[in-house]
Amino acid sequence: MFSLAIEGCEIPPEWVSLSKDLQDGRIIFVLGASDTGKTTLIKFLIDRFVRSGKKVAFVDSDIGQSSIAVPTVISSALISSADDIKSPKVHSLFFIGSTSPPGNLLQMAVGLKKTVEAALLTKPDLVVVDTTGFIHGATALELKYQKVSLVQPTHIVTIQREREAEPILGSVRASFDNLKILRLKPVSSVIGRSLDERQANRERKFAEYFSGAKKLKIKIGDVSLRRGPFGVGLPISDLKLYELSKTSGLDLLYGEEGNEEAVLVVRSMGHSDSFLNKIQGYIKKRLVRVINQSELEGAVVGLGMRTQGGFVSGLGIILGVEEGVVNVFTPVMDSSRIGVVIFGSLKISTSGRETGKLTFY
């Protein structure tokens, strides 16, 4: 069960003082490396705010170690009671498809912006934002800077062991005059997790999420396939796909073509350069990518409705592709309202075990 309850942590007096300093905050952004106690601090702050009668929107953008949802998503929940803390009800899911930011920087920035906007529509007294531990290096600095620029927090609370977050803080301080920055040291009672423990935690949450899932058939013609190998152009018609299959000798299941490139999904690989030459001769594209449908199996996907504008109703695991159909293992039961299938880079088994990465990123 996902929970925001605090367990086994001695609360330092600095945290109590901090909670008082943040009472006038509107959007609070919590920053720090992994295992510094960000999530524990956030749980404490939310508890204090709720006890004082405030309604808190919690935005969890820690896509690897989510507190309220399954990994690979930015999520939000509205917290206004002790019951909400014990068992938060997820308000929104924005699909990233990975458990770490590199390779997904645009999605991380846009997803956070849209999730905070959606959270503000619930009319909270304040918004608390958790972040990943990705803080080292120029890429991390730029990502955090752009997030601050997009979200416009009133406060940044930083937990750092030495001065590892100062490059980020210096960058945002130079650009946002009204931003209040508060610094804390990690507390010794917060117990860190090893890489193996972090992976085990993710797999446990995946297993819990997919425990009631079933096979769902989604008609490819009814949805848009996004990210991963897809999105190069418009879907190839059934007639043209049939002609391509005859020309190449391949059993083609799905295809897209743009101005200069095409992607084709084949039932079984077994193709050679001669097959590719035949296909290129027929459709005359500079680049043709042929994908064995088995390469897609296990990919984590986000299932979005037509009205959700980037948010998803749930996650799925690709089981395979047939003629005109993609089979997905998911707790989402109604395929009729699904408008988009968004491919992530992570692969997992139906039991939640991480099995690899989709290689088309």
Protein backbone atom coordinates (compact mmCIF):
# COMPACT_ATOMS: atom_id res chain seq x y z
CA MET A 1 0.00 0.00 0.00
CA PHE A 2 1.25 3.49 -0.85
CA SER A 3 1.40 5.75 2.19
CA LEU A 4 2.70 9.12 3.39
CA ALA A 5 2.85 8.05 7.03
CA ILE A 6 6.22 8.49 8.80
CA GLU A 7 7.76 5.40 10.32
CA GLY A 8 10.88 4.98 12.46
CA CYS A 9 12.37 8.46 12.18
CA GLU A 10 13.30 10.83 14.99
CA ILE A 11 12.13 14.32 14.05
CA PRO A 12 14.84 16.98 14.53
CA PRO A 13 13.89 20.42 15.91
CA GLU A 14 15.11 22.02 12.66
CA TRP A 15 12.24 20.34 10.82
CA VAL A 16 9.71 21.74 13.28
CA SER A 17 11.11 25.24 12.78
CA LEU A 18 11.08 24.74 9.02
CA SER A 19 7.40 23.78 9.03
CA LYS A 20 6.61 27.10 10.72
CA ASP A 21 8.73 29.05 8.22
CA LEU A 22 6.83 27.45 5.34
CA GLN A 23 3.33 28.23 6.57
CA ASP A 24 3.05 31.13 4.12
CA GLY A 25 4.43 29.10 1.21
CA ARG A 26 2.47 28.55 -1.97
CA ILE A 27 4.65 26.09 -3.92
CA ILE A 28 7.44 24.33 -2.00
CA PHE A 29 10.13 22.57 -4.02
CA VAL A 30 12.23 19.99 -2.11
CA LEU A 31 15.70 19.34 -3.51
CA GLY A 32 18.53 16.97 -2.59
CA ALA A 33 20.61 13.99 -3.61
CA SER A 34 19.44 10.42 -3.04
CA ASP A 35 19.29 9.20 0.56
CA THR A 36 19.29 12.66 2.11
CA GLY A 37 15.80 12.25 3.56
CA LYS A 38 13.75 14.36 1.13
CA THR A 39 10.74 12.08 1.15
CA THR A 40 10.77 11.68 4.93
CA LEU A 41 10.93 15.46 5.34
CA ILE A 42 8.03 15.88 2.92
CA LYS A 43 5.92 13.35 4.83
CA PHE A 44 6.62 15.27 8.04
CA LEU A 45 5.76 18.63 6.45
CA ILE A 46 2.53 17.36 4.95
CA ASP A 47 1.53 15.90 8.31
CA ARG A 48 2.22 19.22 10.07
CA PHE A 49 0.37 21.24 7.44
CA VAL A 50 -2.68 18.97 7.52
CA ARG A 51 -2.74 19.04 11.34
CA SER A 52 -2.82 22.85 11.14
CA GLY A 53 -5.91 22.66 8.92
CA LYS A 54 -4.30 23.13 5.52
CA LYS A 55 -5.20 21.31 2.34
CA VAL A 56 -1.98 20.14 0.64
CA ALA A 57 -1.42 19.11 -2.96
CA PHE A 58 1.52 16.71 -3.10
CA VAL A 59 3.31 16.41 -6.45
CA ASP A 60 5.64 13.41 -6.55
CA SER A 61 8.14 13.71 -9.40
CA ASP A 62 10.56 11.13 -7.97
CA ILE A 63 9.94 8.70 -10.83
CA GLY A 64 12.26 6.05 -9.40
CA GLN A 65 11.10 5.96 -5.77
CA SER A 66 7.54 7.25 -5.83
CA SER A 67 5.71 7.63 -2.51
CA ILE A 68 2.13 7.59 -3.79
CA ALA A 69 2.15 5.87 -7.18
CA VAL A 70 3.90 3.34 -9.34
CA PRO A 71 7.43 4.17 -10.63
CA THR A 72 7.87 5.83 -14.07
CA VAL A 73 5.20 8.50 -13.49
CA ILE A 74 4.88 11.98 -12.04
CA SER A 75 1.85 11.84 -9.77
CA SER A 76 -0.21 14.06 -7.51
CA ALA A 77 -2.59 13.67 -4.59
CA LEU A 78 -4.69 16.04 -2.52
CA ILE A 79 -4.07 15.58 1.20
CA SER A 80 -6.45 17.10 3.75
CA SER A 81 -6.93 14.47 6.47
CA ALA A 82 -5.20 11.75 8.45
CA ASP A 83 -6.88 9.18 6.21
CA ASP A 84 -5.37 10.85 3.13
CA ILE A 85 -1.92 10.61 4.72
CA LYS A 86 -2.39 6.94 5.50
CA SER A 87 -3.81 6.10 2.07
CA PRO A 88 -3.46 8.96 -0.44
CA LYS A 89 -5.77 8.94 -3.46
CA VAL A 90 -3.87 9.68 -6.66
CA HIS A 91 -5.31 12.65 -8.55
CA SER A 92 -3.19 12.55 -11.72
CA LEU A 93 -0.53 10.47 -13.49
CA PHE A 94 1.87 11.89 -16.08
CA PHE A 95 3.80 9.11 -17.80
CA ILE A 96 7.60 9.37 -18.15
CA GLY A 97 8.35 5.69 -18.79
CA SER A 98 11.70 5.55 -17.02
CA THR A 99 12.98 5.45 -13.46
CA SER A 100 15.62 8.15 -14.03
CA PRO A 101 15.59 11.56 -15.77
CA PRO A 102 18.43 11.18 -18.35
CA GLY A 103 16.90 10.64 -21.78
CA ASN A 104 13.59 12.08 -20.58
CA LEU A 105 14.44 15.68 -19.73
CA LEU A 106 11.71 17.30 -21.82
CA GLN A 107 9.07 14.95 -20.44
CA MET A 108 10.27 15.56 -16.87
CA ALA A 109 10.05 19.35 -17.19
CA VAL A 110 6.73 19.44 -19.06
CA GLY A 111 5.24 16.72 -16.88
CA LEU A 112 6.06 18.57 -13.68
CA LYS A 113 4.64 21.83 -15.03
CA LYS A 114 1.38 20.18 -16.13
CA THR A 115 1.05 18.19 -12.90
CA VAL A 116 1.51 21.28 -10.72
CA GLU A 117 -1.04 23.13 -12.85
CA ALA A 118 -3.50 20.25 -12.43
CA ALA A 119 -2.83 20.19 -8.68
CA LEU A 120 -3.52 23.91 -8.37
CA LEU A 121 -6.95 23.38 -9.93
CA THR A 122 -7.91 21.40 -6.80
CA LYS A 123 -7.61 24.68 -4.81
CA PRO A 124 -5.01 23.58 -2.23
CA ASP A 125 -3.57 25.89 0.39
CA LEU A 126 -0.10 24.92 -0.78
CA VAL A 127 1.73 22.54 -3.12
CA VAL A 128 4.70 20.40 -2.02
CA VAL A 129 6.92 18.98 -4.77
CA ASP A 130 9.25 16.00 -4.33
CA THR A 131 12.08 15.57 -6.85
CA THR A 132 14.58 12.93 -7.93
CA GLY A 133 18.12 12.74 -6.54
CA PHE A 134 19.50 13.75 -9.95
CA ILE A 135 21.46 16.89 -8.95
CA HIS A 136 25.07 16.38 -10.09
CA GLY A 137 26.46 17.76 -13.33
CA ALA A 138 25.45 20.30 -15.96
CA THR A 139 22.49 18.30 -17.25
CA ALA A 140 20.99 17.95 -13.78
CA LEU A 141 21.53 21.65 -13.10
CA GLU A 142 19.76 22.64 -16.31
CA LEU A 143 16.85 20.30 -15.64
CA LYS A 144 16.33 21.63 -12.12
CA TYR A 145 16.69 25.22 -13.37
CA GLN A 146 14.04 24.72 -16.04
CA LYS A 147 11.71 23.06 -13.53
CA VAL A 148 12.04 26.05 -11.20
CA SER A 149 11.48 28.40 -14.15
CA LEU A 150 8.32 26.55 -15.19
CA VAL A 151 6.82 25.91 -11.75
CA GLN A 152 7.84 29.21 -10.05
CA PRO A 153 8.06 27.89 -6.47
CA THR A 154 7.90 30.32 -3.58
CA HIS A 155 10.36 28.22 -1.55
CA ILE A 156 13.13 25.71 -2.24
CA VAL A 157 14.06 23.45 0.67
CA THR A 158 17.44 21.81 0.11
CA ILE A 159 18.93 18.91 2.04
CA GLN A 160 22.64 18.56 1.34
CA ARG A 161 25.55 16.77 3.00
CA GLU A 162 28.17 19.33 2.01
CA ARG A 163 27.56 21.90 -0.75
CA GLU A 164 26.57 19.56 -3.56
CA ALA A 165 23.35 21.43 -4.39
CA GLU A 166 24.93 24.90 -4.39
CA PRO A 167 25.51 25.05 -8.19
CA ILE A 168 21.76 24.59 -8.71
CA LEU A 169 20.86 27.02 -5.93
CA GLY A 170 23.27 29.64 -7.23
CA SER A 171 21.81 29.36 -10.71
CA VAL A 172 18.19 29.79 -9.64
CA ARG A 173 19.00 32.46 -7.06
CA ALA A 174 20.54 34.61 -9.80
CA SER A 175 17.33 34.48 -11.84
CA PHE A 176 14.46 34.51 -9.34
CA ASP A 177 14.67 37.33 -6.79
CA ASN A 178 11.60 36.43 -4.75
CA LEU A 179 12.52 32.77 -4.31
CA LYS A 180 13.25 31.79 -0.70
CA ILE A 181 15.93 29.11 -0.24
CA LEU A 182 16.21 27.13 2.99
CA ARG A 183 19.03 24.66 3.70
CA LEU A 184 19.11 21.59 5.92
CA LYS A 185 21.57 18.82 6.73
CA PRO A 186 20.50 15.17 6.48
CA VAL A 187 19.42 13.63 9.78
CA SER A 188 21.17 10.51 11.01
CA SER A 189 17.90 8.69 11.74
CA VAL A 190 17.02 8.58 8.03
CA ILE A 191 18.24 5.23 6.71
CA GLY A 192 19.50 5.17 3.13
CA ARG A 193 18.78 2.44 0.61
CA SER A 194 21.30 0.53 -1.48
CA LEU A 195 20.83 0.26 -5.25
CA ASP A 196 19.54 -3.28 -4.77
CA GLU A 197 17.05 -2.11 -2.15
CA ARG A 198 15.86 0.66 -4.46
CA GLN A 199 15.32 -1.80 -7.29
CA ALA A 200 13.51 -4.20 -4.96
CA ASN A 201 11.25 -1.35 -3.82
CA ARG A 202 10.39 -0.47 -7.43
CA GLU A 203 9.67 -4.08 -8.29
CA ARG A 204 7.44 -4.45 -5.21
CA LYS A 205 5.42 -1.42 -6.28
CA PHE A 206 5.13 -2.68 -9.85
CA ALA A 207 3.97 -6.07 -8.56
CA GLU A 208 1.36 -4.42 -6.36
CA TYR A 209 0.12 -2.19 -9.17
CA PHE A 210 -0.22 -5.01 -11.71
CA SER A 211 -1.55 -7.60 -9.24
CA GLY A 212 -5.09 -7.31 -10.61
CA ALA A 213 -4.16 -6.70 -14.24
CA LYS A 214 -5.50 -8.60 -17.23
CA LYS A 215 -4.78 -8.84 -20.95
CA LEU A 216 -6.37 -5.99 -22.90
CA LYS A 217 -6.58 -5.90 -26.70
CA ILE A 218 -6.18 -2.40 -28.13
CA LYS A 219 -6.91 -1.81 -31.81
CA ILE A 220 -3.91 0.00 -33.27
CA GLY A 221 -6.15 1.87 -35.69
CA ASP A 222 -8.02 3.42 -32.76
CA VAL A 223 -4.98 4.87 -30.99
CA SER A 224 -1.83 6.88 -31.53
CA LEU A 225 1.47 5.12 -30.72
CA ARG A 226 4.00 7.54 -29.23
CA ARG A 227 7.67 7.49 -28.29
CA GLY A 228 10.00 4.50 -28.39
CA PRO A 229 10.40 3.59 -32.08
CA PHE A 230 7.11 5.23 -33.05
CA GLY A 231 6.07 8.71 -34.08
CA VAL A 232 8.16 8.93 -37.28
CA GLY A 233 5.08 9.64 -39.39
CA LEU A 234 1.57 8.50 -40.24
CA PRO A 235 0.40 4.88 -40.00
CA ILE A 236 0.82 2.87 -43.20
CA SER A 237 -2.52 1.72 -44.61
CA ASP A 238 -3.51 -1.95 -44.44
CA LEU A 239 -3.37 -2.19 -48.24
CA LYS A 240 0.13 -0.74 -48.46
CA LEU A 241 1.28 -2.91 -45.55
CA TYR A 242 -0.04 -5.95 -47.42
CA GLU A 243 1.83 -4.91 -50.57
CA LEU A 244 5.01 -4.38 -48.52
CA SER A 245 4.62 -7.82 -46.99
CA LYS A 246 4.31 -9.38 -50.46
CA THR A 247 7.27 -7.41 -51.78
CA SER A 248 9.60 -8.18 -48.89
CA GLY A 249 8.41 -11.62 -47.87
CA LEU A 250 8.08 -10.37 -44.29
CA ASP A 251 4.98 -10.77 -42.12
CA LEU A 252 4.44 -7.09 -41.33
CA LEU A 253 2.10 -6.21 -38.48
CA TYR A 254 2.27 -2.41 -38.36
CA GLY A 255 4.12 0.45 -39.99
CA GLU A 256 4.59 4.22 -40.04
CA GLU A 257 6.19 6.45 -42.64
CA GLY A 258 7.29 10.05 -42.66
CA ASN A 259 9.02 12.16 -45.29
CA GLU A 260 12.39 10.46 -44.96
CA GLU A 261 12.00 7.42 -42.74
CA ALA A 262 9.74 4.51 -41.93
CA VAL A 263 9.35 2.00 -39.12
CA LEU A 264 7.91 -1.48 -39.61
CA VAL A 265 6.94 -4.08 -37.00
CA VAL A 266 7.45 -7.65 -38.17
CA ARG A 267 6.17 -10.87 -36.61
CA SER A 268 9.58 -12.55 -36.66
CA MET A 269 12.85 -10.93 -37.60
CA GLY A 270 14.65 -13.29 -39.97
CA HIS A 271 15.18 -10.51 -42.50
CA SER A 272 18.29 -9.68 -44.47
CA ASP A 273 19.65 -6.65 -46.29
CA SER A 274 17.96 -7.87 -49.46
CA PHE A 275 14.57 -7.59 -47.75
CA LEU A 276 15.38 -4.07 -46.60
CA ASN A 277 16.49 -3.13 -50.10
CA LYS A 278 13.18 -4.36 -51.49
CA ILE A 279 11.25 -2.33 -48.91
CA GLN A 280 13.31 0.80 -49.51
CA GLY A 281 12.83 0.38 -53.23
CA TYR A 282 9.08 0.20 -52.73
CA ILE A 283 8.51 3.05 -50.28
CA LYS A 284 11.63 5.09 -51.19
CA LYS A 285 12.66 6.27 -47.73
CA ARG A 286 16.17 7.22 -46.67
CA LEU A 287 15.90 5.18 -43.47
CA VAL A 288 13.81 2.07 -42.83
CA ARG A 289 13.78 0.46 -39.39
CA VAL A 290 12.42 -3.07 -39.08
CA ILE A 291 11.49 -4.19 -35.55
CA ASN A 292 10.74 -7.69 -34.36
CA GLN A 293 7.52 -7.49 -32.35
CA SER A 294 9.23 -9.50 -29.61
CA GLU A 295 11.57 -6.53 -29.02
CA LEU A 296 8.55 -4.57 -27.78
CA GLU A 297 7.43 -7.23 -25.31
CA GLY A 298 7.76 -6.14 -21.70
CA ALA A 299 7.86 -2.42 -22.48
CA VAL A 300 6.06 -0.28 -19.91
CA VAL A 301 3.48 1.97 -21.57
CA GLY A 302 1.18 4.75 -20.48
CA LEU A 303 -2.46 4.51 -21.54
CA GLY A 304 -3.97 7.92 -22.15
CA MET A 305 -7.54 8.91 -22.84
CA ARG A 306 -8.39 11.29 -25.66
CA THR A 307 -9.32 14.10 -23.27
CA GLN A 308 -6.35 13.87 -20.90
CA GLY A 309 -3.78 16.02 -22.70
CA GLY A 310 -0.67 14.06 -21.76
CA PHE A 311 -1.91 12.49 -18.55
CA VAL A 312 -2.65 8.77 -18.42
CA SER A 313 -5.32 6.67 -16.77
CA GLY A 314 -2.92 3.87 -16.03
CA LEU A 315 0.07 1.82 -17.08
CA GLY A 316 0.45 -1.34 -19.08
CA ILE A 317 3.04 -3.90 -20.14
CA ILE A 318 3.29 -4.85 -23.82
CA LEU A 319 2.55 -8.56 -24.31
CA GLY A 320 2.85 -8.54 -28.09
CA VAL A 321 1.53 -7.24 -31.39
CA GLU A 322 -0.87 -9.00 -33.75
CA GLU A 323 -2.47 -7.83 -37.01
CA GLY A 324 -4.04 -4.53 -36.07
CA VAL A 325 -3.90 -5.18 -32.32
CA VAL A 326 -1.47 -4.49 -29.49
CA ASN A 327 -1.91 -6.72 -26.44
CA VAL A 328 -1.32 -5.01 -23.10
CA PHE A 329 -1.24 -6.35 -19.53
CA THR A 330 -2.97 -3.65 -17.50
CA PRO A 331 -5.43 -2.91 -14.69
CA VAL A 332 -7.18 -0.51 -17.11
CA MET A 333 -10.18 -2.51 -18.31
CA ASP A 334 -11.88 -0.26 -20.90
CA SER A 335 -10.01 0.03 -24.20
CA SER A 336 -12.74 2.07 -25.92
CA ARG A 337 -11.64 5.37 -24.36
CA ILE A 338 -7.88 4.88 -24.80
CA GLY A 339 -6.56 7.34 -27.38
CA VAL A 340 -2.80 7.00 -27.01
CA VAL A 341 -0.27 4.34 -26.07
CA ILE A 342 2.97 5.96 -24.89
CA PHE A 343 6.06 3.76 -24.89
CA GLY A 344 8.54 4.06 -22.04
CA SER A 345 12.15 2.90 -22.06
CA LEU A 346 11.82 0.43 -19.16
CA LYS A 347 10.96 -3.24 -19.61
CA ILE A 348 9.44 -5.36 -16.84
CA SER A 349 7.83 -8.76 -16.44
CA THR A 350 4.15 -9.10 -15.52
CA SER A 351 5.31 -9.89 -11.97
CA GLY A 352 7.06 -6.50 -11.78
CA ARG A 353 10.67 -7.62 -12.23
CA GLU A 354 12.85 -5.22 -14.23
CA THR A 355 14.14 -7.05 -17.32
CA GLY A 356 15.92 -4.41 -19.40
CA LYS A 357 15.47 -1.35 -21.57
CA LEU A 358 13.73 -0.67 -24.85
CA THR A 359 16.63 -0.06 -27.21
CA PHE A 360 15.00 2.52 -29.47
CA TYR A 361 15.58 5.49 -27.14
